[in-house]
Amino acid sequence: MADHTQSPRYGRRTLTDARELRALAHPLRMALLELLFVEGPLTATECGERLDQTPANCSFHLRVLAKHGFIQESEGGVGRQRPWRFTSLGHEWAGTSDRPAAERAAARSVVALVRQRHAQYVDDWQVRHDNEPIEWQDAAMLAHNSAWLTAAELAAIRDETQALWDRFRHRLVDRATRPPGARLVQSLSEAFPLRGVLPPAANPITEERDFDA
């Protein structure tokens, strides 16, 4: 069981319990956790106002997150007016075949939800793109890369990319270290070996009528 009294850590928490992963694999709980990363500490009422949910619904799901150590009570307030804060700056788990089947199934549910949430953010960015400052339009990226690599080389890319992001993790907690003009940025990176070129999806995202012949 996680220590619910700890202060927020700069590192990532390793999840090895299927119950923890299942607790995380819920759209509102994922959104609540993201909200506490960005704006916390917040009460259930404040979370409800920002996510268009009732305080009672947010309170229930916040308690589920707290039960599994993802968040903890902060100072001040009582009942639904108690503020909550996160307990770590990220989560990781092993997806290898030697893990229990229940854990791997729960992890797949979390990954599916993370992808869904990221797709929401990408869609929102596409809507806002042309109205954003030109420097942010230029800095944003959608990168698609392919290369012939060994497993060790792929692992090195993974580790070096994470190390770049880790240089800035302290800013999630220490607001005083955020330079002027800094904004919250999100990235989702995936890299894996292919078995070959797949045929087009049965339900493509973009229909042909969107393009000139």
N, C-alpha and C. Protein backbone atom coordinates (compact mmCIF):
# COMPACT_ATOMS: atom_id res chain seq x y z
N MET A 1 0.84 -1.19 0.00
CA MET A 1 0.00 0.00 0.00
C MET A 1 0.88 1.25 0.00
N ALA A 2 0.52 2.21 -0.81
CA ALA A 2 1.32 3.43 -0.91
C ALA A 2 1.20 4.24 0.37
N ASP A 3 2.23 5.03 0.64
CA ASP A 3 2.23 5.95 1.78
C ASP A 3 1.46 7.20 1.38
N HIS A 4 0.24 7.37 1.90
CA HIS A 4 -0.63 8.47 1.50
C HIS A 4 -0.23 9.78 2.16
N THR A 5 0.76 9.80 3.04
CA THR A 5 1.14 11.02 3.73
C THR A 5 2.37 11.68 3.12
N GLN A 6 2.92 11.08 2.07
CA GLN A 6 4.15 11.59 1.50
C GLN A 6 3.91 12.89 0.73
N SER A 7 4.96 13.69 0.57
CA SER A 7 4.88 14.89 -0.24
C SER A 7 5.04 14.51 -1.70
N PRO A 8 4.58 15.35 -2.64
CA PRO A 8 4.73 15.03 -4.06
C PRO A 8 6.18 14.75 -4.43
N ARG A 9 6.40 13.68 -5.20
CA ARG A 9 7.75 13.30 -5.60
C ARG A 9 8.01 13.79 -7.01
N TYR A 10 9.28 14.05 -7.32
CA TYR A 10 9.64 14.42 -8.67
C TYR A 10 9.66 13.20 -9.58
N GLY A 11 9.86 12.02 -9.03
CA GLY A 11 9.96 10.83 -9.84
C GLY A 11 8.61 10.24 -10.20
N ARG A 12 8.62 9.14 -10.94
CA ARG A 12 7.41 8.44 -11.33
C ARG A 12 7.17 7.27 -10.39
N ARG A 13 5.91 6.98 -10.15
CA ARG A 13 5.51 5.87 -9.30
C ARG A 13 5.34 4.62 -10.16
N THR A 14 5.91 3.52 -9.73
CA THR A 14 5.77 2.26 -10.44
C THR A 14 4.54 1.52 -9.95
N LEU A 15 3.63 1.19 -10.86
CA LEU A 15 2.40 0.49 -10.52
C LEU A 15 2.55 -0.99 -10.85
N THR A 16 2.27 -1.84 -9.87
CA THR A 16 2.39 -3.28 -10.06
C THR A 16 1.14 -4.03 -9.63
N ASP A 17 0.11 -3.31 -9.22
CA ASP A 17 -1.12 -3.91 -8.73
C ASP A 17 -2.23 -3.64 -9.73
N ALA A 18 -2.92 -4.69 -10.19
CA ALA A 18 -3.99 -4.53 -11.16
C ALA A 18 -5.09 -3.61 -10.64
N ARG A 19 -5.32 -3.62 -9.32
CA ARG A 19 -6.36 -2.77 -8.74
C ARG A 19 -5.98 -1.29 -8.89
N GLU A 20 -4.70 -0.96 -8.72
CA GLU A 20 -4.26 0.41 -8.91
C GLU A 20 -4.46 0.85 -10.36
N LEU A 21 -4.10 -0.03 -11.28
CA LEU A 21 -4.23 0.31 -12.69
C LEU A 21 -5.69 0.46 -13.08
N ARG A 22 -6.55 -0.43 -12.57
CA ARG A 22 -7.98 -0.30 -12.89
C ARG A 22 -8.56 0.99 -12.31
N ALA A 23 -8.08 1.40 -11.14
CA ALA A 23 -8.55 2.66 -10.56
C ALA A 23 -8.18 3.84 -11.43
N LEU A 24 -7.06 3.75 -12.12
CA LEU A 24 -6.59 4.84 -12.97
C LEU A 24 -7.31 4.85 -14.31
N ALA A 25 -7.80 3.69 -14.74
CA ALA A 25 -8.39 3.55 -16.07
C ALA A 25 -9.85 3.99 -16.08
N HIS A 26 -10.08 5.25 -15.76
CA HIS A 26 -11.44 5.81 -15.75
C HIS A 26 -11.33 7.24 -16.28
N PRO A 27 -12.17 7.63 -17.24
CA PRO A 27 -12.02 8.95 -17.86
C PRO A 27 -12.06 10.11 -16.88
N LEU A 28 -12.98 10.12 -15.94
CA LEU A 28 -13.06 11.25 -15.02
C LEU A 28 -11.89 11.23 -14.04
N ARG A 29 -11.50 10.05 -13.58
CA ARG A 29 -10.37 10.00 -12.64
C ARG A 29 -9.08 10.44 -13.33
N MET A 30 -8.93 10.07 -14.60
CA MET A 30 -7.75 10.54 -15.34
C MET A 30 -7.78 12.06 -15.47
N ALA A 31 -8.96 12.62 -15.77
CA ALA A 31 -9.08 14.07 -15.91
C ALA A 31 -8.83 14.77 -14.58
N LEU A 32 -9.33 14.19 -13.49
CA LEU A 32 -9.10 14.78 -12.16
C LEU A 32 -7.60 14.81 -11.83
N LEU A 33 -6.92 13.72 -12.14
CA LEU A 33 -5.49 13.66 -11.85
C LEU A 33 -4.74 14.70 -12.68
N GLU A 34 -5.10 14.83 -13.96
CA GLU A 34 -4.48 15.85 -14.81
C GLU A 34 -4.74 17.25 -14.24
N LEU A 35 -5.98 17.49 -13.79
CA LEU A 35 -6.34 18.80 -13.26
C LEU A 35 -5.53 19.13 -12.01
N LEU A 36 -5.33 18.14 -11.14
CA LEU A 36 -4.55 18.39 -9.94
C LEU A 36 -3.08 18.63 -10.28
N PHE A 37 -2.57 17.99 -11.34
CA PHE A 37 -1.20 18.27 -11.81
C PHE A 37 -1.07 19.75 -12.19
N VAL A 38 -2.09 20.26 -12.89
CA VAL A 38 -1.99 21.58 -13.48
C VAL A 38 -2.38 22.69 -12.51
N GLU A 39 -3.46 22.49 -11.75
CA GLU A 39 -4.01 23.57 -10.96
C GLU A 39 -4.08 23.29 -9.45
N GLY A 40 -3.80 22.06 -9.03
CA GLY A 40 -3.99 21.70 -7.63
C GLY A 40 -3.10 22.48 -6.68
N PRO A 41 -3.42 22.38 -5.38
CA PRO A 41 -4.51 21.61 -4.79
C PRO A 41 -5.88 22.22 -5.09
N LEU A 42 -6.90 21.34 -5.22
CA LEU A 42 -8.26 21.76 -5.50
C LEU A 42 -9.24 20.92 -4.69
N THR A 43 -10.40 21.50 -4.40
CA THR A 43 -11.45 20.77 -3.71
C THR A 43 -12.32 20.04 -4.75
N ALA A 44 -13.20 19.17 -4.27
CA ALA A 44 -14.13 18.48 -5.16
C ALA A 44 -15.03 19.48 -5.87
N THR A 45 -15.44 20.51 -5.15
CA THR A 45 -16.29 21.54 -5.76
C THR A 45 -15.55 22.27 -6.87
N GLU A 46 -14.30 22.63 -6.62
CA GLU A 46 -13.51 23.32 -7.64
C GLU A 46 -13.25 22.42 -8.84
N CYS A 47 -13.00 21.14 -8.59
CA CYS A 47 -12.81 20.20 -9.70
C CYS A 47 -14.08 20.09 -10.53
N GLY A 48 -15.23 20.03 -9.85
CA GLY A 48 -16.49 19.93 -10.57
C GLY A 48 -16.75 21.13 -11.45
N GLU A 49 -16.42 22.33 -10.96
CA GLU A 49 -16.61 23.54 -11.75
C GLU A 49 -15.75 23.52 -13.02
N ARG A 50 -14.54 23.02 -12.92
CA ARG A 50 -13.62 23.04 -14.06
C ARG A 50 -13.92 21.92 -15.05
N LEU A 51 -14.47 20.80 -14.58
CA LEU A 51 -14.70 19.65 -15.45
C LEU A 51 -16.17 19.43 -15.76
N ASP A 52 -17.02 20.37 -15.36
CA ASP A 52 -18.45 20.29 -15.63
C ASP A 52 -19.05 19.01 -15.03
N GLN A 53 -18.72 18.76 -13.77
CA GLN A 53 -19.21 17.60 -13.03
C GLN A 53 -19.78 18.08 -11.70
N THR A 54 -20.61 17.26 -11.08
CA THR A 54 -21.13 17.62 -9.77
C THR A 54 -20.04 17.43 -8.72
N PRO A 55 -20.08 18.22 -7.64
CA PRO A 55 -19.11 18.01 -6.56
C PRO A 55 -19.18 16.60 -5.98
N ALA A 56 -20.39 16.05 -5.89
CA ALA A 56 -20.54 14.70 -5.33
C ALA A 56 -19.83 13.66 -6.19
N ASN A 57 -19.97 13.79 -7.51
CA ASN A 57 -19.33 12.84 -8.41
C ASN A 57 -17.81 12.96 -8.33
N CYS A 58 -17.31 14.20 -8.31
CA CYS A 58 -15.87 14.41 -8.19
C CYS A 58 -15.37 13.90 -6.85
N SER A 59 -16.13 14.14 -5.78
CA SER A 59 -15.72 13.68 -4.46
C SER A 59 -15.57 12.17 -4.42
N PHE A 60 -16.50 11.46 -5.03
CA PHE A 60 -16.42 9.99 -5.05
C PHE A 60 -15.16 9.53 -5.76
N HIS A 61 -14.91 10.08 -6.94
CA HIS A 61 -13.76 9.62 -7.72
C HIS A 61 -12.43 10.09 -7.12
N LEU A 62 -12.43 11.23 -6.47
CA LEU A 62 -11.23 11.66 -5.76
C LEU A 62 -10.89 10.70 -4.63
N ARG A 63 -11.91 10.22 -3.94
CA ARG A 63 -11.67 9.26 -2.85
C ARG A 63 -11.12 7.94 -3.38
N VAL A 64 -11.59 7.54 -4.57
CA VAL A 64 -11.04 6.32 -5.18
C VAL A 64 -9.56 6.52 -5.50
N LEU A 65 -9.21 7.66 -6.07
CA LEU A 65 -7.80 7.95 -6.36
C LEU A 65 -6.97 7.97 -5.08
N ALA A 66 -7.54 8.55 -4.02
CA ALA A 66 -6.82 8.61 -2.75
C ALA A 66 -6.64 7.22 -2.15
N LYS A 67 -7.65 6.38 -2.28
CA LYS A 67 -7.57 5.01 -1.74
C LYS A 67 -6.38 4.27 -2.31
N HIS A 68 -6.06 4.54 -3.57
CA HIS A 68 -4.97 3.83 -4.23
C HIS A 68 -3.68 4.67 -4.28
N GLY A 69 -3.64 5.76 -3.51
CA GLY A 69 -2.40 6.50 -3.35
C GLY A 69 -2.02 7.45 -4.45
N PHE A 70 -2.94 7.74 -5.39
CA PHE A 70 -2.61 8.66 -6.48
C PHE A 70 -2.67 10.12 -6.02
N ILE A 71 -3.51 10.40 -5.04
CA ILE A 71 -3.63 11.75 -4.50
C ILE A 71 -3.73 11.65 -2.98
N GLN A 72 -3.66 12.80 -2.31
CA GLN A 72 -3.80 12.85 -0.87
C GLN A 72 -4.42 14.18 -0.48
N GLU A 73 -4.97 14.23 0.72
CA GLU A 73 -5.55 15.47 1.21
C GLU A 73 -4.45 16.50 1.44
N SER A 74 -4.76 17.74 1.11
CA SER A 74 -3.86 18.84 1.39
C SER A 74 -4.36 19.56 2.64
N GLU A 75 -3.67 20.62 3.01
CA GLU A 75 -4.03 21.32 4.23
C GLU A 75 -5.29 22.16 4.04
N GLY A 76 -6.11 22.24 5.12
CA GLY A 76 -7.26 23.12 5.13
C GLY A 76 -8.51 22.47 4.57
N GLY A 77 -9.69 22.97 5.02
CA GLY A 77 -10.96 22.51 4.50
C GLY A 77 -11.47 21.26 5.18
N VAL A 78 -12.77 21.02 5.02
CA VAL A 78 -13.41 19.83 5.56
C VAL A 78 -14.40 19.31 4.53
N GLY A 79 -14.71 18.00 4.61
CA GLY A 79 -15.68 17.42 3.70
C GLY A 79 -15.30 17.62 2.26
N ARG A 80 -16.30 18.04 1.45
CA ARG A 80 -16.04 18.27 0.03
C ARG A 80 -15.23 19.52 -0.22
N GLN A 81 -15.01 20.30 0.83
CA GLN A 81 -14.17 21.49 0.70
C GLN A 81 -12.72 21.21 1.06
N ARG A 82 -12.39 19.94 1.24
CA ARG A 82 -11.00 19.57 1.47
C ARG A 82 -10.23 19.65 0.15
N PRO A 83 -9.11 20.33 0.11
CA PRO A 83 -8.30 20.33 -1.11
C PRO A 83 -7.52 19.02 -1.25
N TRP A 84 -7.30 18.61 -2.48
CA TRP A 84 -6.54 17.40 -2.79
C TRP A 84 -5.32 17.77 -3.62
N ARG A 85 -4.26 16.98 -3.49
CA ARG A 85 -3.06 17.18 -4.29
C ARG A 85 -2.54 15.83 -4.76
N PHE A 86 -1.75 15.86 -5.82
CA PHE A 86 -1.17 14.62 -6.35
C PHE A 86 0.02 14.18 -5.50
N THR A 87 0.42 12.92 -5.62
CA THR A 87 1.50 12.38 -4.80
C THR A 87 2.74 12.02 -5.59
N SER A 88 2.68 12.04 -6.92
CA SER A 88 3.87 11.78 -7.74
C SER A 88 3.66 12.44 -9.09
N LEU A 89 4.73 12.58 -9.85
CA LEU A 89 4.69 13.31 -11.11
C LEU A 89 4.51 12.42 -12.34
N GLY A 90 4.08 11.22 -12.15
CA GLY A 90 3.87 10.32 -13.27
C GLY A 90 3.82 8.89 -12.80
N HIS A 91 3.47 7.99 -13.71
CA HIS A 91 3.32 6.59 -13.37
C HIS A 91 3.91 5.73 -14.48
N GLU A 92 4.42 4.59 -14.11
CA GLU A 92 4.96 3.64 -15.08
C GLU A 92 4.65 2.23 -14.61
N TRP A 93 4.68 1.31 -15.54
CA TRP A 93 4.42 -0.10 -15.22
C TRP A 93 5.09 -0.96 -16.27
N ALA A 94 5.29 -2.21 -15.93
CA ALA A 94 5.92 -3.14 -16.86
C ALA A 94 4.85 -3.78 -17.74
N GLY A 95 5.08 -3.75 -19.04
CA GLY A 95 4.12 -4.34 -19.95
C GLY A 95 4.59 -5.68 -20.51
N THR A 96 5.56 -6.29 -19.87
CA THR A 96 6.14 -7.53 -20.39
C THR A 96 5.25 -8.73 -20.09
N SER A 97 5.44 -9.79 -20.86
CA SER A 97 4.57 -10.96 -20.77
C SER A 97 4.72 -11.74 -19.47
N ASP A 98 5.76 -11.46 -18.68
CA ASP A 98 5.92 -12.18 -17.42
C ASP A 98 5.06 -11.59 -16.31
N ARG A 99 4.38 -10.46 -16.55
CA ARG A 99 3.50 -9.88 -15.55
C ARG A 99 2.18 -10.64 -15.51
N PRO A 100 1.47 -10.65 -14.38
CA PRO A 100 0.19 -11.36 -14.29
C PRO A 100 -0.80 -10.87 -15.35
N ALA A 101 -1.65 -11.76 -15.83
CA ALA A 101 -2.60 -11.43 -16.89
C ALA A 101 -3.53 -10.29 -16.49
N ALA A 102 -3.99 -10.28 -15.23
CA ALA A 102 -4.89 -9.22 -14.78
C ALA A 102 -4.20 -7.87 -14.81
N GLU A 103 -2.93 -7.85 -14.45
CA GLU A 103 -2.18 -6.59 -14.46
C GLU A 103 -1.99 -6.09 -15.88
N ARG A 104 -1.66 -7.00 -16.80
CA ARG A 104 -1.45 -6.60 -18.19
C ARG A 104 -2.75 -6.10 -18.82
N ALA A 105 -3.87 -6.75 -18.49
CA ALA A 105 -5.16 -6.30 -19.02
C ALA A 105 -5.52 -4.92 -18.50
N ALA A 106 -5.29 -4.69 -17.21
CA ALA A 106 -5.57 -3.38 -16.63
C ALA A 106 -4.66 -2.32 -17.23
N ALA A 107 -3.40 -2.67 -17.46
CA ALA A 107 -2.46 -1.71 -18.06
C ALA A 107 -2.90 -1.34 -19.47
N ARG A 108 -3.40 -2.31 -20.23
CA ARG A 108 -3.89 -2.00 -21.59
C ARG A 108 -5.05 -1.00 -21.54
N SER A 109 -5.90 -1.12 -20.52
CA SER A 109 -7.01 -0.19 -20.38
C SER A 109 -6.51 1.22 -20.10
N VAL A 110 -5.46 1.33 -19.26
CA VAL A 110 -4.88 2.64 -18.97
C VAL A 110 -4.27 3.23 -20.23
N VAL A 111 -3.52 2.42 -20.98
CA VAL A 111 -2.87 2.90 -22.21
C VAL A 111 -3.93 3.38 -23.20
N ALA A 112 -5.02 2.63 -23.35
CA ALA A 112 -6.08 3.03 -24.27
C ALA A 112 -6.68 4.37 -23.86
N LEU A 113 -6.85 4.58 -22.56
CA LEU A 113 -7.40 5.84 -22.09
C LEU A 113 -6.41 6.99 -22.29
N VAL A 114 -5.12 6.74 -22.04
CA VAL A 114 -4.11 7.78 -22.26
C VAL A 114 -4.12 8.21 -23.73
N ARG A 115 -4.20 7.24 -24.64
CA ARG A 115 -4.24 7.58 -26.06
C ARG A 115 -5.49 8.39 -26.39
N GLN A 116 -6.62 7.99 -25.81
CA GLN A 116 -7.87 8.71 -26.06
C GLN A 116 -7.78 10.15 -25.56
N ARG A 117 -7.22 10.32 -24.35
CA ARG A 117 -7.09 11.67 -23.80
C ARG A 117 -6.15 12.52 -24.67
N HIS A 118 -5.05 11.90 -25.11
CA HIS A 118 -4.10 12.64 -25.94
C HIS A 118 -4.75 13.06 -27.25
N ALA A 119 -5.57 12.17 -27.83
CA ALA A 119 -6.26 12.51 -29.07
C ALA A 119 -7.19 13.70 -28.86
N GLN A 120 -7.83 13.79 -27.69
CA GLN A 120 -8.66 14.95 -27.38
C GLN A 120 -7.84 16.22 -27.40
N TYR A 121 -6.66 16.17 -26.79
CA TYR A 121 -5.80 17.35 -26.74
C TYR A 121 -5.29 17.72 -28.12
N VAL A 122 -4.96 16.72 -28.93
CA VAL A 122 -4.51 16.99 -30.30
C VAL A 122 -5.62 17.66 -31.10
N ASP A 123 -6.85 17.14 -30.98
CA ASP A 123 -7.97 17.73 -31.70
C ASP A 123 -8.19 19.18 -31.26
N ASP A 124 -8.09 19.42 -29.95
CA ASP A 124 -8.27 20.77 -29.43
C ASP A 124 -7.19 21.70 -29.97
N TRP A 125 -5.94 21.20 -30.06
CA TRP A 125 -4.85 22.01 -30.60
C TRP A 125 -5.10 22.34 -32.07
N GLN A 126 -5.58 21.38 -32.83
CA GLN A 126 -5.84 21.63 -34.24
C GLN A 126 -6.88 22.73 -34.42
N VAL A 127 -7.89 22.76 -33.56
CA VAL A 127 -8.93 23.79 -33.63
C VAL A 127 -8.33 25.17 -33.32
N ARG A 128 -7.41 25.22 -32.33
CA ARG A 128 -6.84 26.48 -31.86
C ARG A 128 -5.64 26.95 -32.67
N HIS A 129 -5.05 26.03 -33.45
CA HIS A 129 -3.73 26.25 -34.03
C HIS A 129 -3.57 27.61 -34.69
N ASP A 130 -4.46 27.98 -35.60
CA ASP A 130 -4.27 29.20 -36.39
C ASP A 130 -4.40 30.47 -35.56
N ASN A 131 -4.98 30.37 -34.38
CA ASN A 131 -5.15 31.55 -33.52
C ASN A 131 -4.08 31.64 -32.44
N GLU A 132 -3.16 30.69 -32.42
CA GLU A 132 -2.08 30.70 -31.43
C GLU A 132 -0.94 31.59 -31.92
N PRO A 133 -0.12 32.14 -31.01
CA PRO A 133 1.05 32.93 -31.42
C PRO A 133 1.93 32.13 -32.39
N ILE A 134 2.52 32.81 -33.34
CA ILE A 134 3.28 32.15 -34.39
C ILE A 134 4.43 31.33 -33.83
N GLU A 135 5.05 31.79 -32.71
CA GLU A 135 6.17 31.04 -32.15
C GLU A 135 5.74 29.69 -31.60
N TRP A 136 4.49 29.63 -31.10
CA TRP A 136 3.98 28.34 -30.61
C TRP A 136 3.54 27.45 -31.77
N GLN A 137 3.00 28.04 -32.81
CA GLN A 137 2.67 27.26 -34.00
C GLN A 137 3.93 26.60 -34.56
N ASP A 138 5.03 27.36 -34.55
CA ASP A 138 6.28 26.86 -35.11
C ASP A 138 6.93 25.83 -34.20
N ALA A 139 6.82 26.03 -32.88
CA ALA A 139 7.49 25.12 -31.94
C ALA A 139 6.78 23.78 -31.80
N ALA A 140 5.46 23.77 -31.98
CA ALA A 140 4.70 22.53 -31.83
C ALA A 140 5.14 21.52 -32.90
N MET A 141 5.00 20.25 -32.58
CA MET A 141 5.47 19.25 -33.53
C MET A 141 4.54 18.04 -33.57
N LEU A 142 4.47 17.46 -34.75
CA LEU A 142 3.86 16.15 -34.96
C LEU A 142 4.87 15.38 -35.78
N ALA A 143 5.66 14.57 -35.09
CA ALA A 143 6.79 13.90 -35.74
C ALA A 143 6.48 12.42 -35.98
N HIS A 144 6.75 11.96 -37.18
CA HIS A 144 6.57 10.56 -37.54
C HIS A 144 7.92 10.06 -38.06
N ASN A 145 8.57 9.18 -37.31
CA ASN A 145 9.92 8.74 -37.65
C ASN A 145 9.98 7.22 -37.83
N SER A 146 10.83 6.79 -38.72
CA SER A 146 11.08 5.36 -38.93
C SER A 146 12.57 5.15 -39.13
N ALA A 147 13.09 4.05 -38.64
CA ALA A 147 14.50 3.72 -38.82
C ALA A 147 14.70 2.23 -38.52
N TRP A 148 15.78 1.67 -39.09
CA TRP A 148 16.15 0.30 -38.76
C TRP A 148 17.03 0.34 -37.51
N LEU A 149 16.56 -0.24 -36.41
CA LEU A 149 17.24 -0.17 -35.12
C LEU A 149 17.34 -1.53 -34.46
N THR A 150 18.31 -1.66 -33.60
CA THR A 150 18.35 -2.82 -32.70
C THR A 150 17.50 -2.49 -31.48
N ALA A 151 17.20 -3.51 -30.69
CA ALA A 151 16.43 -3.28 -29.46
C ALA A 151 17.18 -2.34 -28.52
N ALA A 152 18.49 -2.48 -28.46
CA ALA A 152 19.29 -1.60 -27.59
C ALA A 152 19.24 -0.16 -28.07
N GLU A 153 19.27 0.05 -29.38
CA GLU A 153 19.22 1.42 -29.92
C GLU A 153 17.86 2.06 -29.66
N LEU A 154 16.79 1.26 -29.81
CA LEU A 154 15.46 1.79 -29.51
C LEU A 154 15.34 2.16 -28.04
N ALA A 155 15.88 1.32 -27.15
CA ALA A 155 15.86 1.62 -25.72
C ALA A 155 16.64 2.89 -25.41
N ALA A 156 17.73 3.12 -26.14
CA ALA A 156 18.53 4.33 -25.93
C ALA A 156 17.75 5.58 -26.33
N ILE A 157 17.01 5.51 -27.44
CA ILE A 157 16.18 6.64 -27.86
C ILE A 157 15.12 6.92 -26.80
N ARG A 158 14.50 5.86 -26.29
CA ARG A 158 13.50 6.02 -25.23
C ARG A 158 14.09 6.72 -24.02
N ASP A 159 15.23 6.24 -23.56
CA ASP A 159 15.84 6.79 -22.34
C ASP A 159 16.33 8.22 -22.53
N GLU A 160 16.92 8.51 -23.70
CA GLU A 160 17.43 9.86 -23.94
C GLU A 160 16.28 10.86 -24.09
N THR A 161 15.18 10.44 -24.72
CA THR A 161 14.02 11.31 -24.84
C THR A 161 13.43 11.62 -23.47
N GLN A 162 13.29 10.58 -22.64
CA GLN A 162 12.76 10.80 -21.30
C GLN A 162 13.67 11.70 -20.48
N ALA A 163 14.97 11.55 -20.66
CA ALA A 163 15.92 12.38 -19.91
C ALA A 163 15.74 13.86 -20.25
N LEU A 164 15.42 14.17 -21.51
CA LEU A 164 15.17 15.55 -21.90
C LEU A 164 13.97 16.12 -21.16
N TRP A 165 12.89 15.35 -21.12
CA TRP A 165 11.69 15.81 -20.40
C TRP A 165 11.96 15.91 -18.90
N ASP A 166 12.75 15.01 -18.36
CA ASP A 166 13.03 15.02 -16.91
C ASP A 166 13.76 16.28 -16.48
N ARG A 167 14.45 16.93 -17.39
CA ARG A 167 15.15 18.18 -17.05
C ARG A 167 14.18 19.25 -16.58
N PHE A 168 12.91 19.14 -16.98
CA PHE A 168 11.93 20.18 -16.67
C PHE A 168 10.84 19.72 -15.71
N ARG A 169 10.95 18.52 -15.17
CA ARG A 169 9.89 17.97 -14.33
C ARG A 169 9.67 18.80 -13.07
N HIS A 170 10.74 19.39 -12.53
CA HIS A 170 10.61 20.15 -11.28
C HIS A 170 9.66 21.33 -11.44
N ARG A 171 9.48 21.81 -12.66
CA ARG A 171 8.59 22.95 -12.87
C ARG A 171 7.13 22.59 -12.63
N LEU A 172 6.79 21.30 -12.68
CA LEU A 172 5.42 20.90 -12.40
C LEU A 172 5.05 21.17 -10.95
N VAL A 173 6.04 21.14 -10.07
CA VAL A 173 5.81 21.37 -8.65
C VAL A 173 6.20 22.78 -8.24
N ASP A 174 7.36 23.23 -8.68
CA ASP A 174 7.91 24.52 -8.25
C ASP A 174 7.56 25.59 -9.27
N ARG A 175 6.48 26.30 -9.03
CA ARG A 175 6.01 27.31 -9.99
C ARG A 175 7.00 28.45 -10.15
N ALA A 176 7.80 28.71 -9.13
CA ALA A 176 8.76 29.81 -9.20
C ALA A 176 9.85 29.57 -10.24
N THR A 177 10.05 28.30 -10.66
CA THR A 177 11.10 27.99 -11.63
C THR A 177 10.59 28.08 -13.07
N ARG A 178 9.32 28.35 -13.27
CA ARG A 178 8.78 28.45 -14.63
C ARG A 178 9.15 29.81 -15.23
N PRO A 179 9.86 29.82 -16.34
CA PRO A 179 10.28 31.10 -16.93
C PRO A 179 9.09 31.85 -17.52
N PRO A 180 9.20 33.16 -17.68
CA PRO A 180 8.13 33.94 -18.31
C PRO A 180 7.78 33.37 -19.69
N GLY A 181 6.50 33.26 -19.96
CA GLY A 181 6.05 32.75 -21.25
C GLY A 181 5.92 31.24 -21.32
N ALA A 182 6.31 30.54 -20.24
CA ALA A 182 6.21 29.08 -20.26
C ALA A 182 4.74 28.65 -20.22
N ARG A 183 4.42 27.59 -20.95
CA ARG A 183 3.06 27.03 -20.96
C ARG A 183 3.16 25.53 -20.74
N LEU A 184 2.09 24.96 -20.22
CA LEU A 184 2.05 23.51 -20.05
C LEU A 184 2.03 22.84 -21.42
N VAL A 185 2.94 21.91 -21.65
CA VAL A 185 3.07 21.22 -22.93
C VAL A 185 2.92 19.72 -22.71
N GLN A 186 2.28 19.06 -23.64
CA GLN A 186 2.08 17.62 -23.55
C GLN A 186 2.65 16.92 -24.77
N SER A 187 3.24 15.76 -24.53
CA SER A 187 3.77 14.94 -25.62
C SER A 187 3.45 13.48 -25.33
N LEU A 188 3.06 12.75 -26.34
CA LEU A 188 2.86 11.30 -26.23
C LEU A 188 3.72 10.64 -27.28
N SER A 189 4.71 9.88 -26.85
CA SER A 189 5.64 9.23 -27.78
C SER A 189 5.46 7.71 -27.72
N GLU A 190 5.40 7.09 -28.87
CA GLU A 190 5.33 5.64 -28.95
C GLU A 190 6.32 5.17 -30.00
N ALA A 191 7.02 4.10 -29.71
CA ALA A 191 7.96 3.53 -30.68
C ALA A 191 8.00 2.03 -30.47
N PHE A 192 7.89 1.28 -31.55
CA PHE A 192 7.82 -0.18 -31.45
C PHE A 192 8.20 -0.78 -32.80
N PRO A 193 8.64 -2.05 -32.82
CA PRO A 193 9.00 -2.68 -34.09
C PRO A 193 7.75 -3.02 -34.91
N LEU A 194 7.85 -2.85 -36.21
CA LEU A 194 6.75 -3.18 -37.11
C LEU A 194 6.94 -4.58 -37.69
N ARG A 195 5.86 -5.18 -38.10
CA ARG A 195 5.95 -6.48 -38.78
C ARG A 195 5.78 -6.34 -40.29
N GLY A 196 5.61 -5.09 -40.73
CA GLY A 196 5.42 -4.81 -42.14
C GLY A 196 4.43 -3.68 -42.30
N VAL A 197 4.14 -3.30 -43.55
CA VAL A 197 3.19 -2.23 -43.82
C VAL A 197 1.77 -2.78 -43.77
N LEU A 198 0.93 -2.17 -42.96
CA LEU A 198 -0.45 -2.61 -42.81
C LEU A 198 -1.35 -2.00 -43.87
N PRO A 199 -2.43 -2.66 -44.24
CA PRO A 199 -3.39 -2.06 -45.18
C PRO A 199 -4.12 -0.90 -44.51
N PRO A 200 -4.80 -0.05 -45.29
CA PRO A 200 -5.52 1.09 -44.71
C PRO A 200 -6.57 0.63 -43.71
N ALA A 201 -6.86 1.48 -42.74
CA ALA A 201 -7.87 1.17 -41.74
C ALA A 201 -9.25 1.12 -42.39
N ALA A 202 -10.12 0.30 -41.81
CA ALA A 202 -11.47 0.15 -42.36
C ALA A 202 -12.26 1.45 -42.25
N ASN A 203 -11.98 2.22 -41.20
CA ASN A 203 -12.67 3.49 -40.98
C ASN A 203 -11.64 4.60 -40.88
N PRO A 204 -11.14 5.09 -42.02
CA PRO A 204 -10.09 6.12 -41.98
C PRO A 204 -10.58 7.38 -41.30
N ILE A 205 -9.63 8.10 -40.69
CA ILE A 205 -9.96 9.33 -39.98
C ILE A 205 -10.38 10.41 -40.97
N THR A 206 -9.68 10.50 -42.08
CA THR A 206 -9.96 11.53 -43.08
C THR A 206 -10.54 10.90 -44.33
N GLU A 207 -11.67 11.38 -44.76
CA GLU A 207 -12.31 10.85 -45.96
C GLU A 207 -11.72 11.49 -47.21
N GLU A 208 -11.80 10.78 -48.32
CA GLU A 208 -11.16 11.25 -49.55
C GLU A 208 -11.76 12.55 -50.04
N ARG A 209 -13.05 12.80 -49.70
CA ARG A 209 -13.68 14.02 -50.21
C ARG A 209 -13.04 15.29 -49.62
N ASP A 210 -12.22 15.11 -48.54
CA ASP A 210 -11.55 16.26 -47.94
C ASP A 210 -10.37 16.75 -48.79
N PHE A 211 -10.02 15.99 -49.81
CA PHE A 211 -8.86 16.35 -50.65
C PHE A 211 -9.31 16.61 -52.08
N ASP A 212 -8.55 17.45 -52.75
CA ASP A 212 -8.81 17.67 -54.17
C ASP A 212 -8.32 16.48 -54.97
N ALA A 213 -9.06 16.11 -55.99
CA ALA A 213 -8.69 14.97 -56.83
C ALA A 213 -7.48 15.33 -57.68
